[in-house]
Amino acid sequence: MGSTIIMLAVMIGVFYFMLIRPENKRKKEAEEMRTNVKVGDRITTIGGIVGTVVNVKDDKFVIETSADQVRIELRKWALSSNDTANEAAQEAAKKAQEERAKKKAEKKAAKAKK
């Protein structure tokens, strides 16, 4: 009887750490992305519409989709990805990686001199 209860507790713990916790983290990140959208960001909606944000309101934003300056007003929940923020994050990660590689090369060169 005791081993069954322990096994059940272990299964609940595994489900929490493998399924529930990562999903909550993804939801939190998506909500943060939607609240941090600003004018000038290049975004993609859940319907696949790509455009540049020209106006942000409480729960809505307006995007301009093409050279014809077509403007569409959408709800913030329709935002799928903020391409401007993603590119900035990738660039920052690349610079950090280059810095680490440079430091590693400097250490290796210092060891070689000794």
C-alpha atoms as a PDB file:
ATOM      1  CA  MET A   1       0.000   0.000   0.000  1.00  0.00           C
ATOM      2  CA  GLY A   2       2.808   2.411   0.908  1.00  0.00           C
ATOM      3  CA  SER A   3       4.727   1.741  -2.297  1.00  0.00           C
ATOM      4  CA  THR A   4       1.604   2.497  -4.354  1.00  0.00           C
ATOM      5  CA  ILE A   5       1.243   5.898  -2.708  1.00  0.00           C
ATOM      6  CA  ILE A   6       4.917   6.649  -3.241  1.00  0.00           C
ATOM      7  CA  MET A   7       4.688   5.607  -6.895  1.00  0.00           C
ATOM      8  CA  LEU A   8       1.619   7.818  -7.371  1.00  0.00           C
ATOM      9  CA  ALA A   9       3.435  10.788  -5.813  1.00  0.00           C
ATOM     10  CA  VAL A  10       6.435  10.203  -8.085  1.00  0.00           C
ATOM     11  CA  MET A  11       4.169  10.091 -11.163  1.00  0.00           C
ATOM     12  CA  ILE A  12       2.478  13.348 -10.155  1.00  0.00           C
ATOM     13  CA  GLY A  13       5.894  14.950  -9.650  1.00  0.00           C
ATOM     14  CA  VAL A  14       7.096  13.770 -13.060  1.00  0.00           C
ATOM     15  CA  PHE A  15       3.947  15.100 -14.742  1.00  0.00           C
ATOM     16  CA  TYR A  16       4.392  18.435 -13.016  1.00  0.00           C
ATOM     17  CA  PHE A  17       8.031  18.901 -14.018  1.00  0.00           C
ATOM     18  CA  MET A  18       7.718  17.423 -17.521  1.00  0.00           C
ATOM     19  CA  LEU A  19       4.346  18.804 -18.664  1.00  0.00           C
ATOM     20  CA  ILE A  20       2.692  21.408 -16.458  1.00  0.00           C
ATOM     21  CA  ARG A  21       5.671  23.583 -15.520  1.00  0.00           C
ATOM     22  CA  PRO A  22       7.077  24.023 -19.080  1.00  0.00           C
ATOM     23  CA  GLU A  23       3.597  24.831 -20.424  1.00  0.00           C
ATOM     24  CA  ASN A  24       3.075  27.515 -17.783  1.00  0.00           C
ATOM     25  CA  LYS A  25       6.479  28.967 -18.643  1.00  0.00           C
ATOM     26  CA  ARG A  26       5.579  29.137 -22.362  1.00  0.00           C
ATOM     27  CA  LYS A  27       2.258  30.832 -21.551  1.00  0.00           C
ATOM     28  CA  LYS A  28       4.008  33.385 -19.362  1.00  0.00           C
ATOM     29  CA  GLU A  29       6.582  34.162 -22.083  1.00  0.00           C
ATOM     30  CA  ALA A  30       3.832  34.554 -24.718  1.00  0.00           C
ATOM     31  CA  GLU A  31       1.862  36.920 -22.478  1.00  0.00           C
ATOM     32  CA  GLU A  32       5.004  38.951 -21.783  1.00  0.00           C
ATOM     33  CA  MET A  33       5.709  39.179 -25.526  1.00  0.00           C
ATOM     34  CA  ARG A  34       2.169  40.418 -26.174  1.00  0.00           C
ATOM     35  CA  THR A  35       2.344  43.086 -23.489  1.00  0.00           C
ATOM     36  CA  ASN A  36       5.770  44.325 -24.645  1.00  0.00           C
ATOM     37  CA  VAL A  37       4.827  44.889 -28.308  1.00  0.00           C
ATOM     38  CA  LYS A  38       5.664  48.447 -29.378  1.00  0.00           C
ATOM     39  CA  VAL A  39       5.406  50.685 -32.428  1.00  0.00           C
ATOM     40  CA  GLY A  40       7.889  49.724 -35.138  1.00  0.00           C
ATOM     41  CA  ASP A  41       8.059  46.015 -34.249  1.00  0.00           C
ATOM     42  CA  ARG A  42       7.780  43.557 -37.135  1.00  0.00           C
ATOM     43  CA  ILE A  43       5.283  40.883 -36.082  1.00  0.00           C
ATOM     44  CA  THR A  44       3.491  37.771 -37.330  1.00  0.00           C
ATOM     45  CA  THR A  45      -0.084  36.965 -36.314  1.00  0.00           C
ATOM     46  CA  ILE A  46      -1.543  33.530 -35.620  1.00  0.00           C
ATOM     47  CA  GLY A  47      -3.232  33.786 -39.030  1.00  0.00           C
ATOM     48  CA  GLY A  48       0.094  34.292 -40.790  1.00  0.00           C
ATOM     49  CA  ILE A  49      -0.260  38.020 -41.465  1.00  0.00           C
ATOM     50  CA  VAL A  50       3.099  39.778 -41.349  1.00  0.00           C
ATOM     51  CA  GLY A  51       3.316  43.502 -40.717  1.00  0.00           C
ATOM     52  CA  THR A  52       4.779  46.406 -38.803  1.00  0.00           C
ATOM     53  CA  VAL A  53       3.055  47.758 -35.693  1.00  0.00           C
ATOM     54  CA  VAL A  54       1.944  51.374 -36.158  1.00  0.00           C
ATOM     55  CA  ASN A  55      -0.285  51.840 -33.097  1.00  0.00           C
ATOM     56  CA  VAL A  56      -0.682  50.054 -29.755  1.00  0.00           C
ATOM     57  CA  LYS A  57      -3.752  50.296 -27.508  1.00  0.00           C
ATOM     58  CA  ASP A  58      -4.710  48.464 -24.297  1.00  0.00           C
ATOM     59  CA  ASP A  59      -5.813  45.171 -25.823  1.00  0.00           C
ATOM     60  CA  LYS A  60      -5.431  45.944 -29.548  1.00  0.00           C
ATOM     61  CA  PHE A  61      -2.746  46.964 -31.993  1.00  0.00           C
ATOM     62  CA  VAL A  62      -2.748  48.214 -35.579  1.00  0.00           C
ATOM     63  CA  ILE A  63      -0.355  46.801 -38.167  1.00  0.00           C
ATOM     64  CA  GLU A  64       0.623  47.986 -41.614  1.00  0.00           C
ATOM     65  CA  THR A  65       0.961  44.973 -43.886  1.00  0.00           C
ATOM     66  CA  SER A  66       2.396  46.038 -47.219  1.00  0.00           C
ATOM     67  CA  ALA A  67       3.767  48.797 -49.424  1.00  0.00           C
ATOM     68  CA  ASP A  68       0.143  49.774 -50.121  1.00  0.00           C
ATOM     69  CA  GLN A  69      -0.078  50.767 -46.441  1.00  0.00           C
ATOM     70  CA  VAL A  70      -2.992  48.465 -45.659  1.00  0.00           C
ATOM     71  CA  ARG A  71      -3.746  48.804 -41.954  1.00  0.00           C
ATOM     72  CA  ILE A  72      -5.401  46.094 -39.876  1.00  0.00           C
ATOM     73  CA  GLU A  73      -6.529  46.359 -36.262  1.00  0.00           C
ATOM     74  CA  LEU A  74      -6.029  43.152 -34.296  1.00  0.00           C
ATOM     75  CA  ARG A  75      -6.386  41.940 -30.727  1.00  0.00           C
ATOM     76  CA  LYS A  76      -3.160  41.291 -28.833  1.00  0.00           C
ATOM     77  CA  TRP A  77      -4.034  37.610 -28.339  1.00  0.00           C
ATOM     78  CA  ALA A  78      -3.683  37.214 -32.143  1.00  0.00           C
ATOM     79  CA  LEU A  79       0.058  37.940 -31.955  1.00  0.00           C
ATOM     80  CA  SER A  80       2.119  34.856 -32.724  1.00  0.00           C
ATOM     81  CA  SER A  81       5.685  36.168 -32.796  1.00  0.00           C
ATOM     82  CA  ASN A  82       7.570  39.432 -32.514  1.00  0.00           C
ATOM     83  CA  ASP A  83      10.199  39.104 -35.222  1.00  0.00           C
ATOM     84  CA  THR A  84      12.037  42.281 -34.179  1.00  0.00           C
ATOM     85  CA  ALA A  85      12.485  41.022 -30.613  1.00  0.00           C
ATOM     86  CA  ASN A  86      13.491  37.551 -31.844  1.00  0.00           C
ATOM     87  CA  GLU A  87      16.170  39.013 -34.129  1.00  0.00           C
ATOM     88  CA  ALA A  88      17.506  41.181 -31.317  1.00  0.00           C
ATOM     89  CA  ALA A  89      17.684  38.189 -28.975  1.00  0.00           C
ATOM     90  CA  GLN A  90      19.484  36.094 -31.598  1.00  0.00           C
ATOM     91  CA  GLU A  91      21.977  38.906 -32.229  1.00  0.00           C
ATOM     92  CA  ALA A  92      22.657  39.270 -28.501  1.00  0.00           C
ATOM     93  CA  ALA A  93      23.179  35.511 -28.168  1.00  0.00           C
ATOM     94  CA  LYS A  94      25.571  35.541 -31.131  1.00  0.00           C
ATOM     95  CA  LYS A  95      27.606  38.384 -29.619  1.00  0.00           C
ATOM     96  CA  ALA A  96      27.780  36.582 -26.275  1.00  0.00           C
ATOM     97  CA  GLN A  97      28.954  33.415 -28.010  1.00  0.00           C
ATOM     98  CA  GLU A  98      31.639  35.357 -29.897  1.00  0.00           C
ATOM     99  CA  GLU A  99      32.842  36.906 -26.630  1.00  0.00           C
ATOM    100  CA  ARG A 100      33.083  33.487 -24.989  1.00  0.00           C
ATOM    101  CA  ALA A 101      35.017  32.142 -27.977  1.00  0.00           C
ATOM    102  CA  LYS A 102      37.373  35.147 -27.871  1.00  0.00           C
ATOM    103  CA  LYS A 103      38.042  34.664 -24.141  1.00  0.00           C
ATOM    104  CA  LYS A 104      38.626  30.955 -24.665  1.00  0.00           C
ATOM    105  CA  ALA A 105      41.119  31.699 -27.469  1.00  0.00           C
ATOM    106  CA  GLU A 106      42.921  34.229 -25.267  1.00  0.00           C
ATOM    107  CA  LYS A 107      43.232  31.672 -22.464  1.00  0.00           C
ATOM    108  CA  LYS A 108      44.519  29.079 -24.895  1.00  0.00           C
ATOM    109  CA  ALA A 109      47.099  31.548 -26.268  1.00  0.00           C
ATOM    110  CA  ALA A 110      48.192  32.438 -22.711  1.00  0.00           C
ATOM    111  CA  LYS A 111      48.698  28.731 -21.902  1.00  0.00           C
ATOM    112  CA  ALA A 112      50.690  28.247 -25.087  1.00  0.00           C
ATOM    113  CA  LYS A 113      53.066  31.071 -24.129  1.00  0.00           C
ATOM    114  CA  LYS A 114      53.839  29.462 -20.786  1.00  0.00           C
END
